Amino acid sequence: MNTKNILIIAIIVIVGLLVFQQYLIRNSTPKEDILFEKINKLELKLDSLNTKKDSIREVVDSTHVKIVNNENYYKEVVNTIMLQSTSSDSSFITNYIRLHRSQRDSINIR
């Protein structure tokens, strides 16, 4: 074999190795891509947790408003009962019981 043939074979081997190297580089997933995927998954989980947290806060706020309204209604009813004359107590209590019994019955029906 003369030097020209050896040089051509060496060049072909070097080019082949370079092509093989580039093939391996392009087909292997770098660690950065894997980390970016994990970060994106974590961000999605954080977003979903934040959404759930916000919905829970809304429920807690609405429940708090209902509690305050019920407390105010209770105070109003108690004050009305306490300040009424004895003669009107009987009719008020009867109407009050009738009203709440009908509300309770309508809740139990549902």
Protein backbone atom coordinates (compact mmCIF):
# COMPACT_ATOMS: atom_id res chain seq x y z
CA MET A 1 0.00 0.00 0.00
CA ASN A 2 1.30 3.33 -0.84
CA THR A 3 1.01 6.43 1.32
CA LYS A 4 -1.77 7.86 -0.80
CA ASN A 5 -4.02 4.89 -0.03
CA ILE A 6 -3.11 5.00 3.67
CA LEU A 7 -3.87 8.74 3.77
CA ILE A 8 -7.26 8.20 2.07
CA ILE A 9 -8.15 5.39 4.50
CA ALA A 10 -7.07 7.53 7.48
CA ILE A 11 -9.18 10.47 6.25
CA ILE A 12 -12.20 8.18 5.71
CA VAL A 13 -11.78 6.72 9.21
CA ILE A 14 -11.45 10.20 10.77
CA VAL A 15 -14.50 11.51 8.87
CA GLY A 16 -16.43 8.37 9.85
CA LEU A 17 -15.52 8.85 13.50
CA LEU A 18 -16.53 12.53 13.34
CA VAL A 19 -19.88 11.62 11.78
CA PHE A 20 -20.41 8.93 14.42
CA GLN A 21 -19.52 11.41 17.17
CA GLN A 22 -22.00 13.99 15.86
CA TYR A 23 -24.67 11.30 15.62
CA LEU A 24 -24.14 10.37 19.27
CA ILE A 25 -24.17 14.00 20.38
CA ARG A 26 -27.44 14.81 18.60
CA ASN A 27 -29.26 11.66 19.73
CA SER A 28 -28.31 11.75 23.40
CA THR A 29 -30.46 13.93 25.64
CA PRO A 30 -28.33 16.28 27.66
CA LYS A 31 -28.85 16.56 31.40
CA GLU A 32 -30.08 20.13 30.99
CA ASP A 33 -33.09 18.97 28.98
CA ILE A 34 -33.98 16.43 31.66
CA LEU A 35 -33.67 19.11 34.35
CA PHE A 36 -35.83 21.52 32.34
CA GLU A 37 -38.50 18.84 32.00
CA LYS A 38 -38.45 18.18 35.74
CA ILE A 39 -38.63 21.92 36.48
CA ASN A 40 -41.62 22.29 34.14
CA LYS A 41 -43.41 19.39 35.84
CA LEU A 42 -42.78 20.94 39.25
CA GLU A 43 -44.06 24.31 38.06
CA LEU A 44 -47.25 22.67 36.79
CA LYS A 45 -47.74 20.99 40.16
CA LEU A 46 -47.16 24.32 41.93
CA ASP A 47 -49.73 26.00 39.70
CA SER A 48 -52.32 23.33 40.42
CA LEU A 49 -51.62 23.56 44.16
CA ASN A 50 -51.96 27.35 44.05
CA THR A 51 -55.29 26.99 42.27
CA LYS A 52 -56.53 24.56 44.92
CA LYS A 53 -55.28 26.86 47.68
CA ASP A 54 -57.16 29.79 46.16
CA SER A 55 -60.38 27.79 45.89
CA ILE A 56 -60.04 26.69 49.52
CA ARG A 57 -59.54 30.32 50.56
CA GLU A 58 -62.72 31.28 48.70
CA VAL A 59 -64.66 28.57 50.51
CA VAL A 60 -63.24 29.63 53.87
CA ASP A 61 -64.09 33.28 53.16
CA SER A 62 -67.65 32.49 52.10
CA THR A 63 -68.08 30.27 55.15
CA HIS A 64 -66.81 33.05 57.39
CA VAL A 65 -69.32 35.48 55.86
CA LYS A 66 -72.12 32.96 56.45
CA ILE A 67 -71.05 32.53 60.07
CA VAL A 68 -71.02 36.29 60.63
CA ASN A 69 -74.46 36.61 59.02
CA ASN A 70 -75.84 33.80 61.16
CA GLU A 71 -74.36 35.36 64.27
CA ASN A 72 -75.93 38.71 63.45
CA TYR A 73 -79.28 37.07 62.77
CA TYR A 74 -79.05 35.19 66.07
CA LYS A 75 -78.29 38.39 67.99
CA GLU A 76 -81.19 40.14 66.31
CA VAL A 77 -83.59 37.34 67.15
CA VAL A 78 -82.39 37.17 70.75
CA ASN A 79 -82.72 40.93 71.16
CA THR A 80 -86.20 40.84 69.67
CA ILE A 81 -87.23 38.09 72.04
CA MET A 82 -85.70 39.81 75.06
CA LEU A 83 -87.23 43.21 74.32
CA GLN A 84 -90.74 42.05 73.50
CA SER A 85 -93.61 42.22 75.86
CA THR A 86 -94.75 39.00 77.44
CA SER A 87 -97.99 38.93 75.48
CA SER A 88 -96.24 39.00 72.12
CA ASP A 89 -93.63 36.44 73.16
CA SER A 90 -96.01 33.58 72.68
CA SER A 91 -96.98 34.50 69.12
CA PHE A 92 -93.40 35.31 68.16
CA ILE A 93 -92.03 32.03 69.51
CA THR A 94 -94.80 30.08 67.80
CA ASN A 95 -94.06 31.76 64.46
CA TYR A 96 -90.32 31.31 64.99
CA ILE A 97 -90.67 27.60 65.66
CA ARG A 98 -93.01 27.16 62.70
CA LEU A 99 -90.58 28.99 60.40
CA HIS A 100 -87.56 26.94 61.45
CA ARG A 101 -89.48 23.68 61.39
CA SER A 102 -90.51 24.34 57.78
CA GLN A 103 -86.91 25.25 56.89
CA ARG A 104 -85.64 22.07 58.52
CA ASP A 105 -88.24 19.99 56.71
CA SER A 106 -87.31 21.54 53.36
CA ILE A 107 -83.61 20.79 54.03
CA ASN A 108 -84.38 17.17 54.94
CA ILE A 109 -86.41 16.73 51.74
CA ARG A 110 -83.45 17.67 49.56
